[in-house]
Amino acid sequence: MNMKINQSDVHIIARNSDWSETAVAETLKTQVYNDKHSWKKFLELFFLSLGIGFTVIGILFFFAYNWNNLHKFLKLGIIEVLLVSMVLI
């Protein structure tokens, strides 16, 4: 069983033992807090999902704004392509 230690666990152990402050700080740094690699991975995924989300919303608003000006066959084609792509996915 792989249990992750958290900040409150370290503070409880430090309060009830003779653990030095430097050892507590080192344990928090290595076991609890995130390093540069974790932050970089988080930020890459965050900004990638944010960019994809804004792009999809922009396309959606584009079609919503111009929906009345589109020809009826184009409207049906767009809806059909969306339905077929959802079924394939």
C-alpha atoms as a PDB file:
ATOM      1  CA  MET A   1       0.000   0.000   0.000  1.00  0.00           C
ATOM      2  CA  ASN A   2       1.517   3.310  -1.147  1.00  0.00           C
ATOM      3  CA  MET A   3       0.311   6.080   1.141  1.00  0.00           C
ATOM      4  CA  LYS A   4       1.332   9.650   0.407  1.00  0.00           C
ATOM      5  CA  ILE A   5       2.436  11.707   3.371  1.00  0.00           C
ATOM      6  CA  ASN A   6       0.844  15.137   3.691  1.00  0.00           C
ATOM      7  CA  GLN A   7       1.758  18.351   5.446  1.00  0.00           C
ATOM      8  CA  SER A   8      -0.376  17.776   8.543  1.00  0.00           C
ATOM      9  CA  ASP A   9       1.237  14.338   9.074  1.00  0.00           C
ATOM     10  CA  VAL A  10       4.700  15.877   9.066  1.00  0.00           C
ATOM     11  CA  HIS A  11       3.663  18.598  11.526  1.00  0.00           C
ATOM     12  CA  ILE A  12       2.056  16.071  13.890  1.00  0.00           C
ATOM     13  CA  ILE A  13       5.158  13.876  13.851  1.00  0.00           C
ATOM     14  CA  ALA A  14       7.447  16.903  14.315  1.00  0.00           C
ATOM     15  CA  ARG A  15       5.422  18.151  17.275  1.00  0.00           C
ATOM     16  CA  ASN A  16       5.522  14.791  19.051  1.00  0.00           C
ATOM     17  CA  SER A  17       9.126  13.826  18.392  1.00  0.00           C
ATOM     18  CA  ASP A  18      12.627  15.268  18.519  1.00  0.00           C
ATOM     19  CA  TRP A  19      12.762  15.858  14.767  1.00  0.00           C
ATOM     20  CA  SER A  20      14.881  18.921  13.925  1.00  0.00           C
ATOM     21  CA  GLU A  21      13.462  21.867  11.998  1.00  0.00           C
ATOM     22  CA  THR A  22      15.868  21.322   9.127  1.00  0.00           C
ATOM     23  CA  ALA A  23      14.775  17.681   8.803  1.00  0.00           C
ATOM     24  CA  VAL A  24      11.124  18.762   8.844  1.00  0.00           C
ATOM     25  CA  ALA A  25      11.776  21.377   6.161  1.00  0.00           C
ATOM     26  CA  GLU A  26      13.680  18.860   4.020  1.00  0.00           C
ATOM     27  CA  THR A  27      10.912  16.260   4.353  1.00  0.00           C
ATOM     28  CA  LEU A  28       8.276  18.811   3.398  1.00  0.00           C
ATOM     29  CA  LYS A  29      10.349  19.880   0.405  1.00  0.00           C
ATOM     30  CA  THR A  30      10.957  16.356  -0.896  1.00  0.00           C
ATOM     31  CA  GLN A  31       7.760  14.535   0.098  1.00  0.00           C
ATOM     32  CA  VAL A  32       4.939  17.113   0.183  1.00  0.00           C
ATOM     33  CA  TYR A  33       5.605  20.145  -1.980  1.00  0.00           C
ATOM     34  CA  ASN A  34       5.653  19.993  -5.765  1.00  0.00           C
ATOM     35  CA  ASP A  35       8.899  20.494  -7.655  1.00  0.00           C
ATOM     36  CA  LYS A  36       9.574  22.431 -10.864  1.00  0.00           C
ATOM     37  CA  HIS A  37       8.826  19.420 -13.070  1.00  0.00           C
ATOM     38  CA  SER A  38       5.358  18.963 -11.533  1.00  0.00           C
ATOM     39  CA  TRP A  39       4.521  22.653 -11.897  1.00  0.00           C
ATOM     40  CA  LYS A  40       5.740  22.678 -15.497  1.00  0.00           C
ATOM     41  CA  LYS A  41       3.599  19.659 -16.371  1.00  0.00           C
ATOM     42  CA  PHE A  42       0.573  21.197 -14.642  1.00  0.00           C
ATOM     43  CA  LEU A  43       0.980  24.525 -16.437  1.00  0.00           C
ATOM     44  CA  GLU A  44       1.452  22.830 -19.826  1.00  0.00           C
ATOM     45  CA  LEU A  45      -1.764  20.846 -19.405  1.00  0.00           C
ATOM     46  CA  PHE A  46      -3.622  23.848 -17.995  1.00  0.00           C
ATOM     47  CA  PHE A  47      -2.703  26.203 -20.833  1.00  0.00           C
ATOM     48  CA  LEU A  48      -3.262  23.518 -23.472  1.00  0.00           C
ATOM     49  CA  SER A  49      -6.775  22.822 -22.175  1.00  0.00           C
ATOM     50  CA  LEU A  50      -7.444  26.553 -21.846  1.00  0.00           C
ATOM     51  CA  GLY A  51      -6.379  27.142 -25.464  1.00  0.00           C
ATOM     52  CA  ILE A  52      -8.457  24.248 -26.782  1.00  0.00           C
ATOM     53  CA  GLY A  53     -11.447  25.442 -24.758  1.00  0.00           C
ATOM     54  CA  PHE A  54     -11.208  29.009 -26.050  1.00  0.00           C
ATOM     55  CA  THR A  55     -10.836  27.762 -29.633  1.00  0.00           C
ATOM     56  CA  VAL A  56     -13.920  25.543 -29.379  1.00  0.00           C
ATOM     57  CA  ILE A  57     -15.949  28.320 -27.760  1.00  0.00           C
ATOM     58  CA  GLY A  58     -14.825  30.739 -30.509  1.00  0.00           C
ATOM     59  CA  ILE A  59     -15.968  28.353 -33.225  1.00  0.00           C
ATOM     60  CA  LEU A  60     -19.257  27.794 -31.409  1.00  0.00           C
ATOM     61  CA  PHE A  61     -19.907  31.535 -31.080  1.00  0.00           C
ATOM     62  CA  PHE A  62     -18.980  32.085 -34.729  1.00  0.00           C
ATOM     63  CA  PHE A  63     -21.652  29.651 -35.899  1.00  0.00           C
ATOM     64  CA  ALA A  64     -24.175  30.904 -33.336  1.00  0.00           C
ATOM     65  CA  TYR A  65     -23.735  34.495 -34.494  1.00  0.00           C
ATOM     66  CA  ASN A  66     -23.972  33.639 -38.221  1.00  0.00           C
ATOM     67  CA  TRP A  67     -26.624  30.904 -37.949  1.00  0.00           C
ATOM     68  CA  ASN A  68     -29.448  33.015 -39.454  1.00  0.00           C
ATOM     69  CA  ASN A  69     -27.314  33.943 -42.480  1.00  0.00           C
ATOM     70  CA  LEU A  70     -26.366  30.343 -43.368  1.00  0.00           C
ATOM     71  CA  HIS A  71     -28.185  28.450 -46.114  1.00  0.00           C
ATOM     72  CA  LYS A  72     -30.537  25.709 -44.854  1.00  0.00           C
ATOM     73  CA  PHE A  73     -28.526  22.927 -46.551  1.00  0.00           C
ATOM     74  CA  LEU A  74     -25.333  24.165 -44.882  1.00  0.00           C
ATOM     75  CA  LYS A  75     -27.110  24.140 -41.510  1.00  0.00           C
ATOM     76  CA  LEU A  76     -28.229  20.544 -42.067  1.00  0.00           C
ATOM     77  CA  GLY A  77     -24.736  19.594 -43.214  1.00  0.00           C
ATOM     78  CA  ILE A  78     -23.133  21.059 -40.102  1.00  0.00           C
ATOM     79  CA  ILE A  79     -25.561  19.228 -37.844  1.00  0.00           C
ATOM     80  CA  GLU A  80     -25.053  15.977 -39.764  1.00  0.00           C
ATOM     81  CA  VAL A  81     -21.256  16.229 -39.554  1.00  0.00           C
ATOM     82  CA  LEU A  82     -21.497  16.835 -35.799  1.00  0.00           C
ATOM     83  CA  LEU A  83     -23.807  13.833 -35.316  1.00  0.00           C
ATOM     84  CA  VAL A  84     -21.624  11.514 -37.409  1.00  0.00           C
ATOM     85  CA  SER A  85     -18.458  12.631 -35.612  1.00  0.00           C
ATOM     86  CA  MET A  86     -20.083  12.047 -32.205  1.00  0.00           C
ATOM     87  CA  VAL A  87     -21.146   8.536 -33.254  1.00  0.00           C
ATOM     88  CA  LEU A  88     -17.653   7.741 -34.557  1.00  0.00           C
ATOM     89  CA  ILE A  89     -16.002   9.033 -31.405  1.00  0.00           C
END
